[in-house]
Amino acid sequence: MAVARHPATHRPKTTAAGRVTLHSLSFGPHYDPGNVVFGGLIAHNDDHLEQGAGYPDHPHADVEIVTWVVQGVLAHRDSLGGAADLSPGTVQVQSAGSGIRHSEMADSAAGPTRFVQAWLRPDEAGAVPGRDVAEVHLPGAGLVPLVSGSRSAPLRLASATATLWVARLEAGEEAVLPEDHRQHLFVVAGRLTLPGGSVGTGDAVRITDEPGHRVVATTPTELLVWTFAPDDR
């Protein structure tokens, strides 16, 4: 059983033309054999793009790509004919399946863009590719499911045991974490306390076999939580 902190200052960083990406898991040249996967996550990236910068057309296959936009506008275009300008409070699931190509660029008219993106392996390989988008209106304090393979949520995920939750908390408000036995918390912005101390913007916490913890915001805070059923690795 463990509650492990992963401070923002310890995350690997990739810098390219007009973009900075902070990685919570082993990614690309930042190979760490002890940090390749957590639950169903194989990537968890915090992307910061300048106007007009981003990721030109590139391929994916057999991966679920979940994108949560924090700031600016992310222009998505793909080989399925999909086109969307994703604004804050928007979540997208791209099921790459048997293969797709897509681009992700910061809208040049919307200023800097920030988004948090996770990659997960689907339960079945070679599926028909697809994409879905939802705008999320949060009712107040507490965790709200965004995407899930099993729970009721705005978007479905082809990974049965995974769920992504979001909470926006004002100072002093609290949330009780789900009962899933493997959880990845990421503080998008703000600061909150949890058993053993506090975490702030860009920090992550990984919880194993200690479900149901209570977290309390000490400043206005946005929190993303991935949870995984006990049979996940």
Protein backbone atom coordinates (compact mmCIF):
# COMPACT_ATOMS: atom_id res chain seq x y z
CA MET A 1 0.00 0.00 0.00
CA ALA A 2 1.41 3.39 -0.92
CA VAL A 3 0.79 7.08 -1.55
CA ALA A 4 3.71 8.21 -3.73
CA ARG A 5 4.34 11.84 -4.63
CA HIS A 6 5.82 12.88 -7.99
CA PRO A 7 6.68 16.61 -7.87
CA ALA A 8 6.44 18.72 -11.00
CA THR A 9 10.13 19.58 -10.69
CA HIS A 10 11.06 15.88 -11.10
CA ARG A 11 9.20 15.33 -14.37
CA PRO A 12 11.16 14.91 -17.62
CA LYS A 13 10.73 17.78 -20.08
CA THR A 14 10.68 17.79 -23.88
CA THR A 15 11.27 21.15 -25.56
CA ALA A 16 10.68 21.71 -29.27
CA ALA A 17 9.76 24.64 -31.52
CA GLY A 18 6.97 26.48 -29.74
CA ARG A 19 6.13 23.75 -27.28
CA VAL A 20 7.12 22.34 -23.89
CA THR A 21 5.85 18.95 -22.69
CA LEU A 22 6.18 17.63 -19.14
CA HIS A 23 5.93 13.84 -18.83
CA SER A 24 4.60 11.92 -15.83
CA LEU A 25 5.64 8.56 -17.32
CA SER A 26 8.55 7.28 -19.39
CA PHE A 27 8.20 8.85 -22.85
CA GLY A 28 10.32 8.97 -26.00
CA PRO A 29 13.95 9.77 -25.17
CA HIS A 30 13.08 10.00 -21.46
CA TYR A 31 13.17 6.25 -20.93
CA ASP A 32 12.79 5.07 -17.36
CA PRO A 33 12.28 1.29 -17.03
CA GLY A 34 10.77 1.78 -13.57
CA ASN A 35 8.16 4.29 -14.79
CA VAL A 36 6.76 2.84 -18.01
CA VAL A 37 3.15 2.22 -16.97
CA PHE A 38 0.76 2.94 -14.11
CA GLY A 39 -2.57 1.16 -14.09
CA GLY A 40 -3.67 1.47 -17.72
CA LEU A 41 -1.65 4.65 -18.40
CA ILE A 42 1.26 4.43 -20.82
CA ALA A 43 1.62 8.22 -21.19
CA HIS A 44 0.48 11.24 -19.21
CA ASN A 45 1.66 14.53 -20.70
CA ASP A 46 1.17 18.20 -19.81
CA ASP A 47 1.56 20.18 -23.06
CA HIS A 48 2.19 23.93 -23.30
CA LEU A 49 1.98 25.36 -26.84
CA GLU A 50 2.72 28.80 -28.20
CA GLN A 51 0.32 30.30 -30.74
CA GLY A 52 0.32 28.22 -33.94
CA ALA A 53 2.64 25.55 -32.50
CA GLY A 54 1.90 21.90 -31.82
CA TYR A 55 2.03 18.50 -33.45
CA PRO A 56 1.68 18.33 -37.25
CA ASP A 57 0.10 15.28 -38.90
CA HIS A 58 1.40 12.02 -37.38
CA PRO A 59 0.19 8.40 -36.99
CA HIS A 60 -1.16 6.34 -34.07
CA ALA A 61 -2.52 2.80 -33.73
CA ASP A 62 -4.02 0.75 -30.89
CA VAL A 63 -4.05 3.52 -28.33
CA GLU A 64 -6.82 5.47 -26.58
CA ILE A 65 -5.85 9.16 -26.55
CA VAL A 66 -7.71 11.28 -23.99
CA THR A 67 -7.27 15.06 -24.19
CA TRP A 68 -8.43 17.65 -21.64
CA VAL A 69 -7.97 21.29 -22.68
CA VAL A 70 -6.97 23.69 -19.91
CA GLN A 71 -6.21 26.95 -21.74
CA GLY A 72 -6.47 28.36 -25.26
CA VAL A 73 -7.87 26.40 -28.22
CA LEU A 74 -6.47 23.14 -29.60
CA ALA A 75 -7.26 22.55 -33.27
CA HIS A 76 -7.66 18.83 -33.96
CA ARG A 77 -7.75 17.38 -37.49
CA ASP A 78 -7.65 13.68 -38.37
CA SER A 79 -7.69 11.20 -41.24
CA LEU A 80 -11.27 10.19 -40.40
CA GLY A 81 -12.40 13.65 -41.50
CA GLY A 82 -12.75 14.79 -37.92
CA ALA A 83 -12.19 18.46 -37.15
CA ALA A 84 -12.70 20.18 -33.83
CA ASP A 85 -11.46 23.29 -32.07
CA LEU A 86 -11.20 22.19 -28.46
CA SER A 87 -11.59 24.88 -25.78
CA PRO A 88 -11.18 24.72 -21.98
CA GLY A 89 -13.59 22.33 -20.34
CA THR A 90 -13.62 20.08 -23.42
CA VAL A 91 -12.61 16.41 -23.32
CA GLN A 92 -11.85 14.32 -26.40
CA VAL A 93 -11.31 10.58 -26.85
CA GLN A 94 -9.45 9.51 -30.00
CA SER A 95 -9.55 5.73 -30.45
CA ALA A 96 -6.71 5.07 -32.86
CA GLY A 97 -7.68 1.43 -33.37
CA SER A 98 -6.29 -0.07 -36.58
CA GLY A 99 -4.66 3.24 -37.44
CA ILE A 100 -5.28 6.97 -37.82
CA ARG A 101 -3.35 10.14 -38.51
CA HIS A 102 -4.05 13.41 -36.76
CA SER A 103 -2.66 16.85 -35.99
CA GLU A 104 -2.96 18.91 -32.81
CA MET A 105 -2.12 22.60 -33.11
CA ALA A 106 -2.68 25.67 -30.95
CA ASP A 107 -5.12 28.00 -32.68
CA SER A 108 -3.02 30.97 -33.77
CA ALA A 109 -5.80 33.40 -32.81
CA ALA A 110 -6.39 32.06 -29.31
CA GLY A 111 -3.05 32.66 -27.60
CA PRO A 112 -1.00 30.03 -25.75
CA THR A 113 -2.68 26.64 -25.34
CA ARG A 114 -2.31 24.06 -22.59
CA PHE A 115 -3.76 20.56 -22.56
CA VAL A 116 -3.28 17.40 -20.52
CA GLN A 117 -3.22 14.19 -22.55
CA ALA A 118 -3.19 10.54 -21.49
CA TRP A 119 -2.59 7.42 -23.58
CA LEU A 120 -3.98 4.01 -22.68
CA ARG A 121 -3.93 0.63 -24.39
CA PRO A 122 -7.40 -0.54 -25.52
CA ASP A 123 -8.79 -3.88 -24.43
CA GLU A 124 -8.79 -5.11 -28.05
CA ALA A 125 -6.28 -4.39 -30.80
CA GLY A 126 -7.20 -3.51 -34.38
CA ALA A 127 -10.61 -1.98 -33.65
CA VAL A 128 -12.32 0.50 -35.97
CA PRO A 129 -10.90 3.98 -35.25
CA GLY A 130 -13.19 6.65 -33.84
CA ARG A 131 -13.38 9.96 -32.03
CA ASP A 132 -15.81 11.69 -29.70
CA VAL A 133 -15.89 15.05 -27.91
CA ALA A 134 -17.85 16.44 -24.98
CA GLU A 135 -18.07 19.81 -23.27
CA VAL A 136 -18.25 19.34 -19.52
CA HIS A 137 -20.18 21.65 -17.20
CA LEU A 138 -19.23 20.87 -13.63
CA PRO A 139 -22.00 21.16 -11.04
CA GLY A 140 -19.70 22.25 -8.19
CA ALA A 141 -17.30 20.64 -5.75
CA GLY A 142 -16.63 16.91 -6.01
CA LEU A 143 -15.28 14.55 -8.61
CA VAL A 144 -17.12 14.17 -11.93
CA PRO A 145 -16.36 11.33 -14.38
CA LEU A 146 -15.26 12.55 -17.83
CA VAL A 147 -14.51 9.29 -19.66
CA SER A 148 -14.88 5.68 -18.59
CA GLY A 149 -14.89 2.14 -19.83
CA SER A 150 -17.50 1.02 -17.30
CA ARG A 151 -19.05 3.95 -15.39
CA SER A 152 -21.63 6.43 -16.61
CA ALA A 153 -19.64 9.31 -18.15
CA PRO A 154 -19.95 11.77 -21.06
CA LEU A 155 -17.52 9.71 -23.19
CA ARG A 156 -16.79 6.00 -23.45
CA LEU A 157 -13.31 4.50 -23.40
CA ALA A 158 -12.22 1.18 -24.94
CA SER A 159 -10.43 0.29 -21.70
CA ALA A 160 -12.99 -1.29 -19.39
CA THR A 161 -11.31 -0.67 -16.04
CA ALA A 162 -10.23 2.97 -16.53
CA THR A 163 -12.05 6.17 -15.56
CA LEU A 164 -10.93 9.80 -15.74
CA TRP A 165 -12.43 12.22 -13.19
CA VAL A 166 -12.17 15.99 -12.78
CA ALA A 167 -12.83 18.27 -9.81
CA ARG A 168 -12.79 22.04 -9.51
CA LEU A 169 -12.57 23.05 -5.87
CA GLU A 170 -12.66 26.43 -4.21
CA ALA A 171 -10.41 27.05 -1.22
CA GLY A 172 -11.66 24.98 1.70
CA GLU A 173 -13.75 22.61 -0.43
CA GLU A 174 -13.01 18.89 -0.34
CA ALA A 175 -13.45 15.79 -2.48
CA VAL A 176 -13.40 12.14 -1.53
CA LEU A 177 -11.38 10.00 -3.93
CA PRO A 178 -13.04 6.96 -5.54
CA GLU A 179 -12.81 3.44 -4.18
CA ASP A 180 -10.68 2.10 -7.05
CA HIS A 181 -7.45 0.61 -5.75
CA ARG A 182 -5.07 2.29 -8.22
CA GLN A 183 -5.27 6.05 -8.75
CA HIS A 184 -3.22 8.73 -10.50
CA LEU A 185 -3.89 12.28 -9.26
CA PHE A 186 -2.66 15.31 -11.21
CA VAL A 187 -2.98 18.88 -9.95
CA VAL A 188 -3.69 20.94 -13.06
CA ALA A 189 -3.65 24.18 -11.05
CA GLY A 190 -3.87 25.17 -7.40
CA ARG A 191 -2.93 23.39 -4.20
CA LEU A 192 -4.54 20.76 -2.03
CA THR A 193 -3.79 18.70 1.04
CA LEU A 194 -4.03 14.95 1.34
CA PRO A 195 -2.72 12.42 3.86
CA GLY A 196 0.91 13.22 4.53
CA GLY A 197 1.11 16.75 3.21
CA SER A 198 0.20 18.98 0.26
CA VAL A 199 0.71 19.10 -3.51
CA GLY A 200 0.50 21.96 -6.00
CA THR A 201 0.33 22.82 -9.68
CA GLY A 202 1.94 20.15 -11.86
CA ASP A 203 2.44 17.67 -9.03
CA ALA A 204 1.17 14.09 -9.31
CA VAL A 205 0.29 11.51 -6.67
CA ARG A 206 -0.01 7.77 -7.25
CA ILE A 207 -2.14 5.80 -4.83
CA THR A 208 -2.08 2.01 -4.58
CA ASP A 209 -4.49 0.01 -2.41
CA GLU A 210 -5.52 3.02 -0.30
CA PRO A 211 -8.85 4.12 -1.81
CA GLY A 212 -11.25 6.71 -0.47
CA HIS A 213 -8.80 9.38 0.71
CA ARG A 214 -10.14 12.89 1.34
CA VAL A 215 -8.41 15.85 -0.35
CA VAL A 216 -8.97 19.51 0.58
CA ALA A 217 -8.17 22.52 -1.61
CA THR A 218 -6.18 25.29 0.05
CA THR A 219 -6.50 27.55 -3.04
CA PRO A 220 -8.83 27.28 -6.07
CA THR A 221 -7.78 23.96 -7.59
CA GLU A 222 -8.41 21.83 -10.66
CA LEU A 223 -7.67 18.14 -10.19
CA LEU A 224 -7.61 15.26 -12.69
CA VAL A 225 -7.81 11.70 -11.35
CA TRP A 226 -7.35 8.46 -13.31
CA THR A 227 -8.66 5.39 -11.52
CA PHE A 228 -8.21 1.72 -12.40
CA ALA A 229 -9.93 -1.43 -11.22
CA PRO A 230 -7.89 -3.86 -9.08
CA ASP A 231 -7.22 -6.28 -11.94
CA ASP A 232 -5.14 -3.70 -13.81
CA ARG A 233 -1.39 -4.01 -13.61
